[in-house]
Amino acid sequence: FVSRFGGDEFVVVISEDENRCDINNLLNRIQKLLEEKFKDYSLSVSYGIAVAPEEGTDAYQLIQLADGRMYKMKNYKKN
């Protein structure tokens, strides 16, 4: 499930059947596809991951956690 969260941010909800390795691979594939599709533009992709129920069960809490991790990635990449 993919939903626009605001501005240029999106939330992706992945079923419990996926594991963390699969999630990272999926996000890397999405990043490559976006960069290829919009190669004429300056584009960068940053993301944060939060996993339920290990890291919380409340949607707001999980979004906050993923959002914080995304901003750490943005700062690391200097986006």
C-alpha atoms as a PDB file:
ATOM      1  CA  PHE A   1       0.000   0.000   0.000  1.00  0.00           C
ATOM      2  CA  VAL A   2       1.420   3.401  -1.004  1.00  0.00           C
ATOM      3  CA  SER A   3       0.005   6.749   0.038  1.00  0.00           C
ATOM      4  CA  ARG A   4       1.140  10.337  -0.310  1.00  0.00           C
ATOM      5  CA  PHE A   5       1.857  11.622   3.171  1.00  0.00           C
ATOM      6  CA  GLY A   6       2.476  15.255   2.384  1.00  0.00           C
ATOM      7  CA  GLY A   7       4.459  17.321  -0.064  1.00  0.00           C
ATOM      8  CA  ASP A   8       7.081  14.996  -1.462  1.00  0.00           C
ATOM      9  CA  GLU A   9       6.737  12.325   1.220  1.00  0.00           C
ATOM     10  CA  PHE A  10       5.069   8.951   0.808  1.00  0.00           C
ATOM     11  CA  VAL A  11       4.226   6.121   3.190  1.00  0.00           C
ATOM     12  CA  VAL A  12       4.669   2.541   2.034  1.00  0.00           C
ATOM     13  CA  VAL A  13       3.035  -0.194   4.102  1.00  0.00           C
ATOM     14  CA  ILE A  14       4.385  -3.666   3.423  1.00  0.00           C
ATOM     15  CA  SER A  15       2.744  -6.884   4.604  1.00  0.00           C
ATOM     16  CA  GLU A  16       4.098  -8.906   7.464  1.00  0.00           C
ATOM     17  CA  ASP A  17       5.280 -11.535   4.995  1.00  0.00           C
ATOM     18  CA  GLU A  18       8.270  -9.401   4.052  1.00  0.00           C
ATOM     19  CA  ASN A  19      11.522  -9.445   6.005  1.00  0.00           C
ATOM     20  CA  ARG A  20      13.939  -6.546   6.521  1.00  0.00           C
ATOM     21  CA  CYS A  21      16.286  -7.701   3.769  1.00  0.00           C
ATOM     22  CA  ASP A  22      13.388  -7.789   1.301  1.00  0.00           C
ATOM     23  CA  ILE A  23      12.256  -4.321   2.433  1.00  0.00           C
ATOM     24  CA  ASN A  24      15.706  -2.817   1.912  1.00  0.00           C
ATOM     25  CA  ASN A  25      15.942  -4.479  -1.515  1.00  0.00           C
ATOM     26  CA  LEU A  26      12.500  -3.159  -2.451  1.00  0.00           C
ATOM     27  CA  LEU A  27      13.366   0.380  -1.375  1.00  0.00           C
ATOM     28  CA  ASN A  28      16.643   0.266  -3.297  1.00  0.00           C
ATOM     29  CA  ARG A  29      14.756  -0.892  -6.407  1.00  0.00           C
ATOM     30  CA  ILE A  30      12.223   1.936  -6.003  1.00  0.00           C
ATOM     31  CA  GLN A  31      15.074   4.418  -5.650  1.00  0.00           C
ATOM     32  CA  LYS A  32      16.778   3.184  -8.824  1.00  0.00           C
ATOM     33  CA  LEU A  33      13.517   3.222 -10.789  1.00  0.00           C
ATOM     34  CA  LEU A  34      12.745   6.793  -9.735  1.00  0.00           C
ATOM     35  CA  GLU A  35      16.259   7.981 -10.524  1.00  0.00           C
ATOM     36  CA  GLU A  36      16.096   6.349 -13.973  1.00  0.00           C
ATOM     37  CA  LYS A  37      12.620   7.710 -14.746  1.00  0.00           C
ATOM     38  CA  PHE A  38      13.521  11.248 -13.676  1.00  0.00           C
ATOM     39  CA  LYS A  39      17.149  11.255 -14.813  1.00  0.00           C
ATOM     40  CA  ASP A  40      16.732  14.722 -16.365  1.00  0.00           C
ATOM     41  CA  TYR A  41      15.974  16.163 -12.915  1.00  0.00           C
ATOM     42  CA  SER A  42      17.963  16.517  -9.740  1.00  0.00           C
ATOM     43  CA  LEU A  43      16.368  13.794  -7.641  1.00  0.00           C
ATOM     44  CA  SER A  44      17.368  12.003  -4.504  1.00  0.00           C
ATOM     45  CA  VAL A  45      15.507   9.453  -2.436  1.00  0.00           C
ATOM     46  CA  SER A  46      15.695   9.147   1.327  1.00  0.00           C
ATOM     47  CA  TYR A  47      13.688   6.749   3.435  1.00  0.00           C
ATOM     48  CA  GLY A  48      13.176   5.546   6.972  1.00  0.00           C
ATOM     49  CA  ILE A  49      11.904   2.162   8.068  1.00  0.00           C
ATOM     50  CA  ALA A  50       9.845   1.251  11.110  1.00  0.00           C
ATOM     51  CA  VAL A  51       8.672  -2.310  11.769  1.00  0.00           C
ATOM     52  CA  ALA A  52       5.530  -3.325  13.634  1.00  0.00           C
ATOM     53  CA  PRO A  53       5.069  -4.821  16.125  1.00  0.00           C
ATOM     54  CA  GLU A  54       8.746  -4.932  17.121  1.00  0.00           C
ATOM     55  CA  GLU A  55       9.065  -1.135  17.204  1.00  0.00           C
ATOM     56  CA  GLY A  56       5.488  -0.213  18.039  1.00  0.00           C
ATOM     57  CA  THR A  57       1.901  -0.856  17.103  1.00  0.00           C
ATOM     58  CA  ASP A  58       0.556   2.681  16.919  1.00  0.00           C
ATOM     59  CA  ALA A  59       0.579   4.135  13.378  1.00  0.00           C
ATOM     60  CA  TYR A  60       1.560   7.596  14.639  1.00  0.00           C
ATOM     61  CA  GLN A  61       4.484   6.161  16.624  1.00  0.00           C
ATOM     62  CA  LEU A  62       5.708   4.125  13.636  1.00  0.00           C
ATOM     63  CA  ILE A  63       5.482   7.098  11.275  1.00  0.00           C
ATOM     64  CA  GLN A  64       7.409   9.272  13.749  1.00  0.00           C
ATOM     65  CA  LEU A  65      10.131   6.643  13.996  1.00  0.00           C
ATOM     66  CA  ALA A  66      10.396   6.164  10.222  1.00  0.00           C
ATOM     67  CA  ASP A  67      10.317   9.940   9.661  1.00  0.00           C
ATOM     68  CA  GLY A  68      13.183  10.466  12.102  1.00  0.00           C
ATOM     69  CA  ARG A  69      15.234   7.803  10.367  1.00  0.00           C
ATOM     70  CA  MET A  70      14.498   9.352   6.972  1.00  0.00           C
ATOM     71  CA  TYR A  71      15.800  12.724   8.154  1.00  0.00           C
ATOM     72  CA  LYS A  72      18.964  11.071   9.483  1.00  0.00           C
ATOM     73  CA  MET A  73      19.502   9.607   5.998  1.00  0.00           C
ATOM     74  CA  LYS A  74      18.842  13.011   4.393  1.00  0.00           C
ATOM     75  CA  ASN A  75      21.394  14.658   6.681  1.00  0.00           C
ATOM     76  CA  TYR A  76      23.914  11.904   6.005  1.00  0.00           C
ATOM     77  CA  LYS A  77      23.451  12.260   2.238  1.00  0.00           C
ATOM     78  CA  LYS A  78      23.351  16.078   2.515  1.00  0.00           C
ATOM     79  CA  ASN A  79      20.066  16.260   0.537  1.00  0.00           C
END
